[in-house]
Amino acid sequence: IKQVLLTNGFELLDEKRSQIVEQINNVIINQVHHNNSDKREMEKYSDY
């Protein structure tokens, strides 16, 4: 699994702190690039 992920530009995260940082990145990316809901009603990023 680790090898096939690396081959495709991904990385398995083992350490809890790194997992949280990756979760932060994914939440932000999803909100900015993939969220089609009404942006006027979006809460602050810190709260979200």
ModelCIF file with pLDDT and N, C-alpha, C, O atoms, coordinates in Angstrom:
data_MODEL
#
_entry.id   MODEL 
#
_entity.id                         1 
_entity.type                       polymer 
_entity.pdbx_number_of_molecules   1 
#
_entity_poly.entity_id                      1 
_entity_poly.type                           'polypeptide(L)' 
_entity_poly.nstd_linkage                   no 
_entity_poly.nstd_monomer                   no 
_entity_poly.pdbx_seq_one_letter_code       IKQVLLTNGFELLDEKRSQIVEQINNVIINQVHHNNSDKREMEKYSDY 
_entity_poly.pdbx_seq_one_letter_code_can   IKQVLLTNGFELLDEKRSQIVEQINNVIINQVHHNNSDKREMEKYSDY 
_entity_poly.pdbx_strand_id                 A 
#
loop_
_entity_poly_seq.entity_id 
_entity_poly_seq.num 
_entity_poly_seq.mon_id 
_entity_poly_seq.hetero 
1 1  ILE n 
1 2  LYS n 
1 3  GLN n 
1 4  VAL n 
1 5  LEU n 
1 6  LEU n 
1 7  THR n 
1 8  ASN n 
1 9  GLY n 
1 10 PHE n 
1 11 GLU n 
1 12 LEU n 
1 13 LEU n 
1 14 ASP n 
1 15 GLU n 
1 16 LYS n 
1 17 ARG n 
1 18 SER n 
1 19 GLN n 
1 20 ILE n 
1 21 VAL n 
1 22 GLU n 
1 23 GLN n 
1 24 ILE n 
1 25 ASN n 
1 26 ASN n 
1 27 VAL n 
1 28 ILE n 
1 29 ILE n 
1 30 ASN n 
1 31 GLN n 
1 32 VAL n 
1 33 HIS n 
1 34 HIS n 
1 35 ASN n 
1 36 ASN n 
1 37 SER n 
1 38 ASP n 
1 39 LYS n 
1 40 ARG n 
1 41 GLU n 
1 42 MET n 
1 43 GLU n 
1 44 LYS n 
1 45 TYR n 
1 46 SER n 
1 47 ASP n 
1 48 TYR n 
#
_struct_asym.id          A 
_struct_asym.entity_id   1 
#
loop_
_ma_qa_metric.id 
_ma_qa_metric.mode 
_ma_qa_metric.name 
_ma_qa_metric.software_group_id 
_ma_qa_metric.type 
1 global pLDDT . pLDDT 
2 local  pLDDT . pLDDT 
#
_ma_qa_metric_global.metric_id      1 
_ma_qa_metric_global.metric_value   86.21 
_ma_qa_metric_global.model_id       1 
_ma_qa_metric_global.ordinal_id     1 
#
loop_
_ma_qa_metric_local.label_asym_id 
_ma_qa_metric_local.label_comp_id 
_ma_qa_metric_local.label_seq_id 
_ma_qa_metric_local.metric_id 
_ma_qa_metric_local.metric_value 
_ma_qa_metric_local.model_id 
_ma_qa_metric_local.ordinal_id 
A ILE 1  2 95.00 1 1  
A LYS 2  2 94.00 1 2  
A GLN 3  2 96.00 1 3  
A VAL 4  2 96.00 1 4  
A LEU 5  2 95.00 1 5  
A LEU 6  2 94.00 1 6  
A THR 7  2 95.00 1 7  
A ASN 8  2 95.00 1 8  
A GLY 9  2 93.00 1 9  
A PHE 10 2 94.00 1 10 
A GLU 11 2 91.00 1 11 
A LEU 12 2 90.00 1 12 
A LEU 13 2 87.00 1 13 
A ASP 14 2 82.00 1 14 
A GLU 15 2 85.00 1 15 
A LYS 16 2 88.00 1 16 
A ARG 17 2 90.00 1 17 
A SER 18 2 90.00 1 18 
A GLN 19 2 91.00 1 19 
A ILE 20 2 94.00 1 20 
A VAL 21 2 94.00 1 21 
A GLU 22 2 93.00 1 22 
A GLN 23 2 94.00 1 23 
A ILE 24 2 96.00 1 24 
A ASN 25 2 94.00 1 25 
A ASN 26 2 92.00 1 26 
A VAL 27 2 93.00 1 27 
A ILE 28 2 93.00 1 28 
A ILE 29 2 92.00 1 29 
A ASN 30 2 90.00 1 30 
A GLN 31 2 89.00 1 31 
A VAL 32 2 91.00 1 32 
A HIS 33 2 88.00 1 33 
A HIS 34 2 82.00 1 34 
A ASN 35 2 75.00 1 35 
A ASN 36 2 66.00 1 36 
A SER 37 2 62.00 1 37 
A ASP 38 2 57.00 1 38 
A LYS 39 2 55.00 1 39 
A ARG 40 2 50.00 1 40 
A GLU 41 2 57.00 1 41 
A MET 42 2 66.00 1 42 
A GLU 43 2 78.00 1 43 
A LYS 44 2 87.00 1 44 
A TYR 45 2 90.00 1 45 
A SER 46 2 93.00 1 46 
A ASP 47 2 94.00 1 47 
A TYR 48 2 92.00 1 48 
#
loop_
_atom_site.group_PDB 
_atom_site.id 
_atom_site.type_symbol 
_atom_site.label_atom_id 
_atom_site.label_alt_id 
_atom_site.label_comp_id 
_atom_site.label_asym_id 
_atom_site.label_entity_id 
_atom_site.label_seq_id 
_atom_site.pdbx_PDB_ins_code 
_atom_site.Cartn_x 
_atom_site.Cartn_y 
_atom_site.Cartn_z 
_atom_site.occupancy 
_atom_site.B_iso_or_equiv 
_atom_site.pdbx_formal_charge 
_atom_site.auth_seq_id 
_atom_site.auth_comp_id 
_atom_site.auth_asym_id 
_atom_site.auth_atom_id 
_atom_site.pdbx_PDB_model_num 
ATOM 1   N N  . ILE A 1 1  ? 0.841   -1.200 0.000  1.00 95.00 ? 1  ILE A N  1 
ATOM 2   C CA . ILE A 1 1  ? 0.000   0.000  0.000  1.00 95.00 ? 1  ILE A CA 1 
ATOM 3   C C  . ILE A 1 1  ? 0.875   1.249  0.000  1.00 95.00 ? 1  ILE A C  1 
ATOM 4   O O  . ILE A 1 1  ? 0.658   2.165  -0.792 1.00 95.00 ? 1  ILE A O  1 
ATOM 5   N N  . LYS A 1 2  ? 1.864   1.281  0.890  1.00 94.00 ? 2  LYS A N  1 
ATOM 6   C CA . LYS A 1 2  ? 2.760   2.439  0.960  1.00 94.00 ? 2  LYS A CA 1 
ATOM 7   C C  . LYS A 1 2  ? 3.457   2.661  -0.376 1.00 94.00 ? 2  LYS A C  1 
ATOM 8   O O  . LYS A 1 2  ? 3.558   3.797  -0.838 1.00 94.00 ? 2  LYS A O  1 
ATOM 9   N N  . GLN A 1 3  ? 3.940   1.587  -1.002 1.00 96.00 ? 3  GLN A N  1 
ATOM 10  C CA . GLN A 1 3  ? 4.669   1.702  -2.266 1.00 96.00 ? 3  GLN A CA 1 
ATOM 11  C C  . GLN A 1 3  ? 3.777   2.216  -3.395 1.00 96.00 ? 3  GLN A C  1 
ATOM 12  O O  . GLN A 1 3  ? 4.178   3.099  -4.153 1.00 96.00 ? 3  GLN A O  1 
ATOM 13  N N  . VAL A 1 4  ? 2.567   1.662  -3.506 1.00 96.00 ? 4  VAL A N  1 
ATOM 14  C CA . VAL A 1 4  ? 1.674   2.084  -4.584 1.00 96.00 ? 4  VAL A CA 1 
ATOM 15  C C  . VAL A 1 4  ? 1.226   3.532  -4.375 1.00 96.00 ? 4  VAL A C  1 
ATOM 16  O O  . VAL A 1 4  ? 1.040   4.267  -5.345 1.00 96.00 ? 4  VAL A O  1 
ATOM 17  N N  . LEU A 1 5  ? 1.054   3.944  -3.124 1.00 95.00 ? 5  LEU A N  1 
ATOM 18  C CA . LEU A 1 5  ? 0.701   5.337  -2.867 1.00 95.00 ? 5  LEU A CA 1 
ATOM 19  C C  . LEU A 1 5  ? 1.846   6.265  -3.258 1.00 95.00 ? 5  LEU A C  1 
ATOM 20  O O  . LEU A 1 5  ? 1.627   7.283  -3.915 1.00 95.00 ? 5  LEU A O  1 
ATOM 21  N N  . LEU A 1 6  ? 3.064   5.917  -2.855 1.00 94.00 ? 6  LEU A N  1 
ATOM 22  C CA . LEU A 1 6  ? 4.238   6.736  -3.211 1.00 94.00 ? 6  LEU A CA 1 
ATOM 23  C C  . LEU A 1 6  ? 4.407   6.839  -4.718 1.00 94.00 ? 6  LEU A C  1 
ATOM 24  O O  . LEU A 1 6  ? 4.724   7.910  -5.235 1.00 94.00 ? 6  LEU A O  1 
ATOM 25  N N  . THR A 1 7  ? 4.201   5.751  -5.415 1.00 95.00 ? 7  THR A N  1 
ATOM 26  C CA . THR A 1 7  ? 4.330   5.728  -6.876 1.00 95.00 ? 7  THR A CA 1 
ATOM 27  C C  . THR A 1 7  ? 3.375   6.729  -7.530 1.00 95.00 ? 7  THR A C  1 
ATOM 28  O O  . THR A 1 7  ? 3.673   7.290  -8.584 1.00 95.00 ? 7  THR A O  1 
ATOM 29  N N  . ASN A 1 8  ? 2.228   6.944  -6.892 1.00 95.00 ? 8  ASN A N  1 
ATOM 30  C CA . ASN A 1 8  ? 1.209   7.842  -7.440 1.00 95.00 ? 8  ASN A CA 1 
ATOM 31  C C  . ASN A 1 8  ? 1.221   9.236  -6.815 1.00 95.00 ? 8  ASN A C  1 
ATOM 32  O O  . ASN A 1 8  ? 0.303   10.024 -7.042 1.00 95.00 ? 8  ASN A O  1 
ATOM 33  N N  . GLY A 1 9  ? 2.253   9.543  -6.031 1.00 93.00 ? 9  GLY A N  1 
ATOM 34  C CA . GLY A 1 9  ? 2.377   10.883 -5.467 1.00 93.00 ? 9  GLY A CA 1 
ATOM 35  C C  . GLY A 1 9  ? 1.660   11.093 -4.147 1.00 93.00 ? 9  GLY A C  1 
ATOM 36  O O  . GLY A 1 9  ? 1.461   12.230 -3.722 1.00 93.00 ? 9  GLY A O  1 
ATOM 37  N N  . PHE A 1 10 ? 1.269   10.002 -3.493 1.00 94.00 ? 10 PHE A N  1 
ATOM 38  C CA . PHE A 1 10 ? 0.593   10.083 -2.203 1.00 94.00 ? 10 PHE A CA 1 
ATOM 39  C C  . PHE A 1 10 ? 1.514   9.532  -1.122 1.00 94.00 ? 10 PHE A C  1 
ATOM 40  O O  . PHE A 1 10 ? 2.566   8.958  -1.405 1.00 94.00 ? 10 PHE A O  1 
ATOM 41  N N  . GLU A 1 11 ? 1.090   9.721  0.114  1.00 91.00 ? 11 GLU A N  1 
ATOM 42  C CA . GLU A 1 11 ? 1.906   9.236  1.227  1.00 91.00 ? 11 GLU A CA 1 
ATOM 43  C C  . GLU A 1 11 ? 0.995   8.818  2.365  1.00 91.00 ? 11 GLU A C  1 
ATOM 44  O O  . GLU A 1 11 ? 0.062   9.539  2.718  1.00 91.00 ? 11 GLU A O  1 
ATOM 45  N N  . LEU A 1 12 ? 1.262   7.658  2.935  1.00 90.00 ? 12 LEU A N  1 
ATOM 46  C CA . LEU A 1 12 ? 0.525   7.192  4.088  1.00 90.00 ? 12 LEU A CA 1 
ATOM 47  C C  . LEU A 1 12 ? 1.026   7.935  5.320  1.00 90.00 ? 12 LEU A C  1 
ATOM 48  O O  . LEU A 1 12 ? 2.229   7.970  5.580  1.00 90.00 ? 12 LEU A O  1 
ATOM 49  N N  . LEU A 1 13 ? 0.119   8.522  6.067  1.00 87.00 ? 13 LEU A N  1 
ATOM 50  C CA . LEU A 1 13 ? 0.502   9.281  7.255  1.00 87.00 ? 13 LEU A CA 1 
ATOM 51  C C  . LEU A 1 13 ? 0.349   8.409  8.495  1.00 87.00 ? 13 LEU A C  1 
ATOM 52  O O  . LEU A 1 13 ? -0.728  7.879  8.772  1.00 87.00 ? 13 LEU A O  1 
ATOM 53  N N  . ASP A 1 14 ? 1.446   8.270  9.235  1.00 82.00 ? 14 ASP A N  1 
ATOM 54  C CA . ASP A 1 14 ? 1.430   7.420  10.418 1.00 82.00 ? 14 ASP A CA 1 
ATOM 55  C C  . ASP A 1 14 ? 1.258   8.221  11.705 1.00 82.00 ? 14 ASP A C  1 
ATOM 56  O O  . ASP A 1 14 ? 0.602   7.762  12.640 1.00 82.00 ? 14 ASP A O  1 
ATOM 57  N N  . GLU A 1 15 ? 1.832   9.389  11.753 1.00 85.00 ? 15 GLU A N  1 
ATOM 58  C CA . GLU A 1 15 ? 1.883   10.168 12.986 1.00 85.00 ? 15 GLU A CA 1 
ATOM 59  C C  . GLU A 1 15 ? 0.623   11.009 13.141 1.00 85.00 ? 15 GLU A C  1 
ATOM 60  O O  . GLU A 1 15 ? 0.189   11.652 12.184 1.00 85.00 ? 15 GLU A O  1 
ATOM 61  N N  . LYS A 1 16 ? 0.035   11.014 14.321 1.00 88.00 ? 16 LYS A N  1 
ATOM 62  C CA . LYS A 1 16 ? -1.251  11.676 14.586 1.00 88.00 ? 16 LYS A CA 1 
ATOM 63  C C  . LYS A 1 16 ? -1.236  13.164 14.230 1.00 88.00 ? 16 LYS A C  1 
ATOM 64  O O  . LYS A 1 16 ? -2.197  13.662 13.643 1.00 88.00 ? 16 LYS A O  1 
ATOM 65  N N  . ARG A 1 17 ? -0.174  13.875 14.572 1.00 90.00 ? 17 ARG A N  1 
ATOM 66  C CA . ARG A 1 17 ? -0.104  15.307 14.277 1.00 90.00 ? 17 ARG A CA 1 
ATOM 67  C C  . ARG A 1 17 ? -0.126  15.550 12.767 1.00 90.00 ? 17 ARG A C  1 
ATOM 68  O O  . ARG A 1 17 ? -0.793  16.475 12.302 1.00 90.00 ? 17 ARG A O  1 
ATOM 69  N N  . SER A 1 18 ? 0.583   14.746 12.013 1.00 90.00 ? 18 SER A N  1 
ATOM 70  C CA . SER A 1 18 ? 0.579   14.874 10.552 1.00 90.00 ? 18 SER A CA 1 
ATOM 71  C C  . SER A 1 18 ? -0.801  14.566 9.981  1.00 90.00 ? 18 SER A C  1 
ATOM 72  O O  . SER A 1 18 ? -1.224  15.179 9.000  1.00 90.00 ? 18 SER A O  1 
ATOM 73  N N  . GLN A 1 19 ? -1.496  13.622 10.591 1.00 91.00 ? 19 GLN A N  1 
ATOM 74  C CA . GLN A 1 19 ? -2.847  13.294 10.143 1.00 91.00 ? 19 GLN A CA 1 
ATOM 75  C C  . GLN A 1 19 ? -3.780  14.486 10.347 1.00 91.00 ? 19 GLN A C  1 
ATOM 76  O O  . GLN A 1 19 ? -4.610  14.785 9.488  1.00 91.00 ? 19 GLN A O  1 
ATOM 77  N N  . ILE A 1 20 ? -3.642  15.159 11.481 1.00 94.00 ? 20 ILE A N  1 
ATOM 78  C CA . ILE A 1 20 ? -4.493  16.326 11.749 1.00 94.00 ? 20 ILE A CA 1 
ATOM 79  C C  . ILE A 1 20 ? -4.203  17.436 10.745 1.00 94.00 ? 20 ILE A C  1 
ATOM 80  O O  . ILE A 1 20 ? -5.129  18.068 10.236 1.00 94.00 ? 20 ILE A O  1 
ATOM 81  N N  . VAL A 1 21 ? -2.929  17.679 10.456 1.00 94.00 ? 21 VAL A N  1 
ATOM 82  C CA . VAL A 1 21 ? -2.563  18.709 9.472  1.00 94.00 ? 21 VAL A CA 1 
ATOM 83  C C  . VAL A 1 21 ? -3.148  18.362 8.104  1.00 94.00 ? 21 VAL A C  1 
ATOM 84  O O  . VAL A 1 21 ? -3.666  19.240 7.413  1.00 94.00 ? 21 VAL A O  1 
ATOM 85  N N  . GLU A 1 22 ? -3.073  17.111 7.713  1.00 93.00 ? 22 GLU A N  1 
ATOM 86  C CA . GLU A 1 22 ? -3.639  16.704 6.426  1.00 93.00 ? 22 GLU A CA 1 
ATOM 87  C C  . GLU A 1 22 ? -5.157  16.869 6.430  1.00 93.00 ? 22 GLU A C  1 
ATOM 88  O O  . GLU A 1 22 ? -5.739  17.247 5.414  1.00 93.00 ? 22 GLU A O  1 
ATOM 89  N N  . GLN A 1 23 ? -5.798  16.591 7.555  1.00 94.00 ? 23 GLN A N  1 
ATOM 90  C CA . GLN A 1 23 ? -7.239  16.805 7.660  1.00 94.00 ? 23 GLN A CA 1 
ATOM 91  C C  . GLN A 1 23 ? -7.567  18.294 7.499  1.00 94.00 ? 23 GLN A C  1 
ATOM 92  O O  . GLN A 1 23 ? -8.539  18.646 6.829  1.00 94.00 ? 23 GLN A O  1 
ATOM 93  N N  . ILE A 1 24 ? -6.773  19.155 8.102  1.00 96.00 ? 24 ILE A N  1 
ATOM 94  C CA . ILE A 1 24 ? -6.971  20.603 7.957  1.00 96.00 ? 24 ILE A CA 1 
ATOM 95  C C  . ILE A 1 24 ? -6.876  20.984 6.479  1.00 96.00 ? 24 ILE A C  1 
ATOM 96  O O  . ILE A 1 24 ? -7.740  21.688 5.955  1.00 96.00 ? 24 ILE A O  1 
ATOM 97  N N  . ASN A 1 25 ? -5.820  20.513 5.817  1.00 94.00 ? 25 ASN A N  1 
ATOM 98  C CA . ASN A 1 25 ? -5.643  20.804 4.390  1.00 94.00 ? 25 ASN A CA 1 
ATOM 99  C C  . ASN A 1 25 ? -6.854  20.352 3.588  1.00 94.00 ? 25 ASN A C  1 
ATOM 100 O O  . ASN A 1 25 ? -7.353  21.094 2.742  1.00 94.00 ? 25 ASN A O  1 
ATOM 101 N N  . ASN A 1 26 ? -7.324  19.150 3.847  1.00 92.00 ? 26 ASN A N  1 
ATOM 102 C CA . ASN A 1 26 ? -8.440  18.610 3.072  1.00 92.00 ? 26 ASN A CA 1 
ATOM 103 C C  . ASN A 1 26 ? -9.739  19.354 3.328  1.00 92.00 ? 26 ASN A C  1 
ATOM 104 O O  . ASN A 1 26 ? -10.515 19.569 2.397  1.00 92.00 ? 26 ASN A O  1 
ATOM 105 N N  . VAL A 1 27 ? -9.992  19.748 4.558  1.00 93.00 ? 27 VAL A N  1 
ATOM 106 C CA . VAL A 1 27 ? -11.201 20.512 4.869  1.00 93.00 ? 27 VAL A CA 1 
ATOM 107 C C  . VAL A 1 27 ? -11.165 21.853 4.123  1.00 93.00 ? 27 VAL A C  1 
ATOM 108 O O  . VAL A 1 27 ? -12.163 22.267 3.533  1.00 93.00 ? 27 VAL A O  1 
ATOM 109 N N  . ILE A 1 28 ? -10.013 22.523 4.154  1.00 93.00 ? 28 ILE A N  1 
ATOM 110 C CA . ILE A 1 28 ? -9.884  23.824 3.474  1.00 93.00 ? 28 ILE A CA 1 
ATOM 111 C C  . ILE A 1 28 ? -10.024 23.665 1.967  1.00 93.00 ? 28 ILE A C  1 
ATOM 112 O O  . ILE A 1 28 ? -10.766 24.414 1.330  1.00 93.00 ? 28 ILE A O  1 
ATOM 113 N N  . ILE A 1 29 ? -9.325  22.703 1.396  1.00 92.00 ? 29 ILE A N  1 
ATOM 114 C CA . ILE A 1 29 ? -9.406  22.472 -0.054 1.00 92.00 ? 29 ILE A CA 1 
ATOM 115 C C  . ILE A 1 29 ? -10.843 22.165 -0.458 1.00 92.00 ? 29 ILE A C  1 
ATOM 116 O O  . ILE A 1 29 ? -11.334 22.683 -1.461 1.00 92.00 ? 29 ILE A O  1 
ATOM 117 N N  . ASN A 1 30 ? -11.509 21.332 0.314  1.00 90.00 ? 30 ASN A N  1 
ATOM 118 C CA . ASN A 1 30 ? -12.889 20.986 0.005  1.00 90.00 ? 30 ASN A CA 1 
ATOM 119 C C  . ASN A 1 30 ? -13.787 22.223 0.061  1.00 90.00 ? 30 ASN A C  1 
ATOM 120 O O  . ASN A 1 30 ? -14.632 22.415 -0.813 1.00 90.00 ? 30 ASN A O  1 
ATOM 121 N N  . GLN A 1 31 ? -13.609 23.059 1.081  1.00 89.00 ? 31 GLN A N  1 
ATOM 122 C CA . GLN A 1 31 ? -14.427 24.269 1.215  1.00 89.00 ? 31 GLN A CA 1 
ATOM 123 C C  . GLN A 1 31 ? -14.170 25.254 0.080  1.00 89.00 ? 31 GLN A C  1 
ATOM 124 O O  . GLN A 1 31 ? -15.115 25.809 -0.481 1.00 89.00 ? 31 GLN A O  1 
ATOM 125 N N  . VAL A 1 32 ? -12.920 25.476 -0.262 1.00 91.00 ? 32 VAL A N  1 
ATOM 126 C CA . VAL A 1 32 ? -12.589 26.478 -1.278 1.00 91.00 ? 32 VAL A CA 1 
ATOM 127 C C  . VAL A 1 32 ? -12.892 25.970 -2.688 1.00 91.00 ? 32 VAL A C  1 
ATOM 128 O O  . VAL A 1 32 ? -13.464 26.700 -3.498 1.00 91.00 ? 32 VAL A O  1 
ATOM 129 N N  . HIS A 1 33 ? -12.519 24.744 -2.983 1.00 88.00 ? 33 HIS A N  1 
ATOM 130 C CA . HIS A 1 33 ? -12.573 24.263 -4.364 1.00 88.00 ? 33 HIS A CA 1 
ATOM 131 C C  . HIS A 1 33 ? -13.786 23.407 -4.707 1.00 88.00 ? 33 HIS A C  1 
ATOM 132 O O  . HIS A 1 33 ? -14.157 23.318 -5.878 1.00 88.00 ? 33 HIS A O  1 
ATOM 133 N N  . HIS A 1 34 ? -14.407 22.781 -3.726 1.00 82.00 ? 34 HIS A N  1 
ATOM 134 C CA . HIS A 1 34 ? -15.458 21.810 -4.048 1.00 82.00 ? 34 HIS A CA 1 
ATOM 135 C C  . HIS A 1 34 ? -16.804 22.097 -3.392 1.00 82.00 ? 34 HIS A C  1 
ATOM 136 O O  . HIS A 1 34 ? -17.761 21.358 -3.619 1.00 82.00 ? 34 HIS A O  1 
ATOM 137 N N  . ASN A 1 35 ? -16.901 23.139 -2.594 1.00 75.00 ? 35 ASN A N  1 
ATOM 138 C CA . ASN A 1 35 ? -18.148 23.450 -1.912 1.00 75.00 ? 35 ASN A CA 1 
ATOM 139 C C  . ASN A 1 35 ? -18.995 24.363 -2.788 1.00 75.00 ? 35 ASN A C  1 
ATOM 140 O O  . ASN A 1 35 ? -18.593 25.481 -3.110 1.00 75.00 ? 35 ASN A O  1 
ATOM 141 N N  . ASN A 1 36 ? -20.150 23.882 -3.163 1.00 66.00 ? 36 ASN A N  1 
ATOM 142 C CA . ASN A 1 36 ? -21.027 24.672 -4.035 1.00 66.00 ? 36 ASN A CA 1 
ATOM 143 C C  . ASN A 1 36 ? -22.200 25.280 -3.299 1.00 66.00 ? 36 ASN A C  1 
ATOM 144 O O  . ASN A 1 36 ? -23.109 25.820 -3.930 1.00 66.00 ? 36 ASN A O  1 
ATOM 145 N N  . SER A 1 37 ? -22.203 25.206 -1.971 1.00 62.00 ? 37 SER A N  1 
ATOM 146 C CA . SER A 1 37 ? -23.312 25.796 -1.220 1.00 62.00 ? 37 SER A CA 1 
ATOM 147 C C  . SER A 1 37 ? -23.200 27.315 -1.240 1.00 62.00 ? 37 SER A C  1 
ATOM 148 O O  . SER A 1 37 ? -22.201 27.869 -1.699 1.00 62.00 ? 37 SER A O  1 
ATOM 149 N N  . ASP A 1 38 ? -24.208 27.963 -0.749 1.00 57.00 ? 38 ASP A N  1 
ATOM 150 C CA . ASP A 1 38 ? -24.244 29.424 -0.737 1.00 57.00 ? 38 ASP A CA 1 
ATOM 151 C C  . ASP A 1 38 ? -23.119 29.956 0.146  1.00 57.00 ? 38 ASP A C  1 
ATOM 152 O O  . ASP A 1 38 ? -23.145 29.782 1.365  1.00 57.00 ? 38 ASP A O  1 
ATOM 153 N N  . LYS A 1 39 ? -22.141 30.599 -0.467 1.00 55.00 ? 39 LYS A N  1 
ATOM 154 C CA . LYS A 1 39 ? -20.959 31.079 0.255  1.00 55.00 ? 39 LYS A CA 1 
ATOM 155 C C  . LYS A 1 39 ? -21.303 32.167 1.273  1.00 55.00 ? 39 LYS A C  1 
ATOM 156 O O  . LYS A 1 39 ? -20.585 32.329 2.260  1.00 55.00 ? 39 LYS A O  1 
ATOM 157 N N  . ARG A 1 40 ? -22.381 32.911 1.054  1.00 50.00 ? 40 ARG A N  1 
ATOM 158 C CA . ARG A 1 40 ? -22.744 33.977 1.987  1.00 50.00 ? 40 ARG A CA 1 
ATOM 159 C C  . ARG A 1 40 ? -23.050 33.416 3.367  1.00 50.00 ? 40 ARG A C  1 
ATOM 160 O O  . ARG A 1 40 ? -22.905 34.115 4.370  1.00 50.00 ? 40 ARG A O  1 
ATOM 161 N N  . GLU A 1 41 ? -23.473 32.156 3.422  1.00 57.00 ? 41 GLU A N  1 
ATOM 162 C CA . GLU A 1 41 ? -23.862 31.569 4.696  1.00 57.00 ? 41 GLU A CA 1 
ATOM 163 C C  . GLU A 1 41 ? -22.738 30.747 5.314  1.00 57.00 ? 41 GLU A C  1 
ATOM 164 O O  . GLU A 1 41 ? -22.941 30.083 6.331  1.00 57.00 ? 41 GLU A O  1 
ATOM 165 N N  . MET A 1 42 ? -21.561 30.787 4.710  1.00 66.00 ? 42 MET A N  1 
ATOM 166 C CA . MET A 1 42 ? -20.448 30.000 5.219  1.00 66.00 ? 42 MET A CA 1 
ATOM 167 C C  . MET A 1 42 ? -19.919 30.605 6.514  1.00 66.00 ? 42 MET A C  1 
ATOM 168 O O  . MET A 1 42 ? -19.730 31.817 6.618  1.00 66.00 ? 42 MET A O  1 
ATOM 169 N N  . GLU A 1 43 ? -19.684 29.738 7.500  1.00 78.00 ? 43 GLU A N  1 
ATOM 170 C CA . GLU A 1 43 ? -19.140 30.227 8.763  1.00 78.00 ? 43 GLU A CA 1 
ATOM 171 C C  . GLU A 1 43 ? -17.645 30.509 8.616  1.00 78.00 ? 43 GLU A C  1 
ATOM 172 O O  . GLU A 1 43 ? -17.025 30.119 7.627  1.00 78.00 ? 43 GLU A O  1 
ATOM 173 N N  . LYS A 1 44 ? -17.081 31.185 9.604  1.00 87.00 ? 44 LYS A N  1 
ATOM 174 C CA . LYS A 1 44 ? -15.656 31.495 9.565  1.00 87.00 ? 44 LYS A CA 1 
ATOM 175 C C  . LYS A 1 44 ? -14.860 30.191 9.502  1.00 87.00 ? 44 LYS A C  1 
ATOM 176 O O  . LYS A 1 44 ? -15.259 29.178 10.076 1.00 87.00 ? 44 LYS A O  1 
ATOM 177 N N  . TYR A 1 45 ? -13.736 30.234 8.801  1.00 90.00 ? 45 TYR A N  1 
ATOM 178 C CA . TYR A 1 45 ? -12.906 29.040 8.668  1.00 90.00 ? 45 TYR A CA 1 
ATOM 179 C C  . TYR A 1 45 ? -12.467 28.505 10.027 1.00 90.00 ? 45 TYR A C  1 
ATOM 180 O O  . TYR A 1 45 ? -12.420 27.291 10.225 1.00 90.00 ? 45 TYR A O  1 
ATOM 181 N N  . SER A 1 46 ? -12.146 29.391 10.962 1.00 93.00 ? 46 SER A N  1 
ATOM 182 C CA . SER A 1 46 ? -11.698 28.932 12.280 1.00 93.00 ? 46 SER A CA 1 
ATOM 183 C C  . SER A 1 46 ? -12.805 28.124 12.968 1.00 93.00 ? 46 SER A C  1 
ATOM 184 O O  . SER A 1 46 ? -12.535 27.070 13.545 1.00 93.00 ? 46 SER A O  1 
ATOM 185 N N  . ASP A 1 47 ? -14.024 28.606 12.911 1.00 94.00 ? 47 ASP A N  1 
ATOM 186 C CA . ASP A 1 47 ? -15.150 27.882 13.514 1.00 94.00 ? 47 ASP A CA 1 
ATOM 187 C C  . ASP A 1 47 ? -15.431 26.580 12.771 1.00 94.00 ? 47 ASP A C  1 
ATOM 188 O O  . ASP A 1 47 ? -15.697 25.544 13.380 1.00 94.00 ? 47 ASP A O  1 
ATOM 189 N N  . TYR A 1 48 ? -15.367 26.654 11.453 1.00 92.00 ? 48 TYR A N  1 
ATOM 190 C CA . TYR A 1 48 ? -15.650 25.481 10.626 1.00 92.00 ? 48 TYR A CA 1 
ATOM 191 C C  . TYR A 1 48 ? -14.619 24.378 10.884 1.00 92.00 ? 48 TYR A C  1 
ATOM 192 O O  . TYR A 1 48 ? -14.693 23.309 10.278 1.00 92.00 ? 48 TYR A O  1 
#
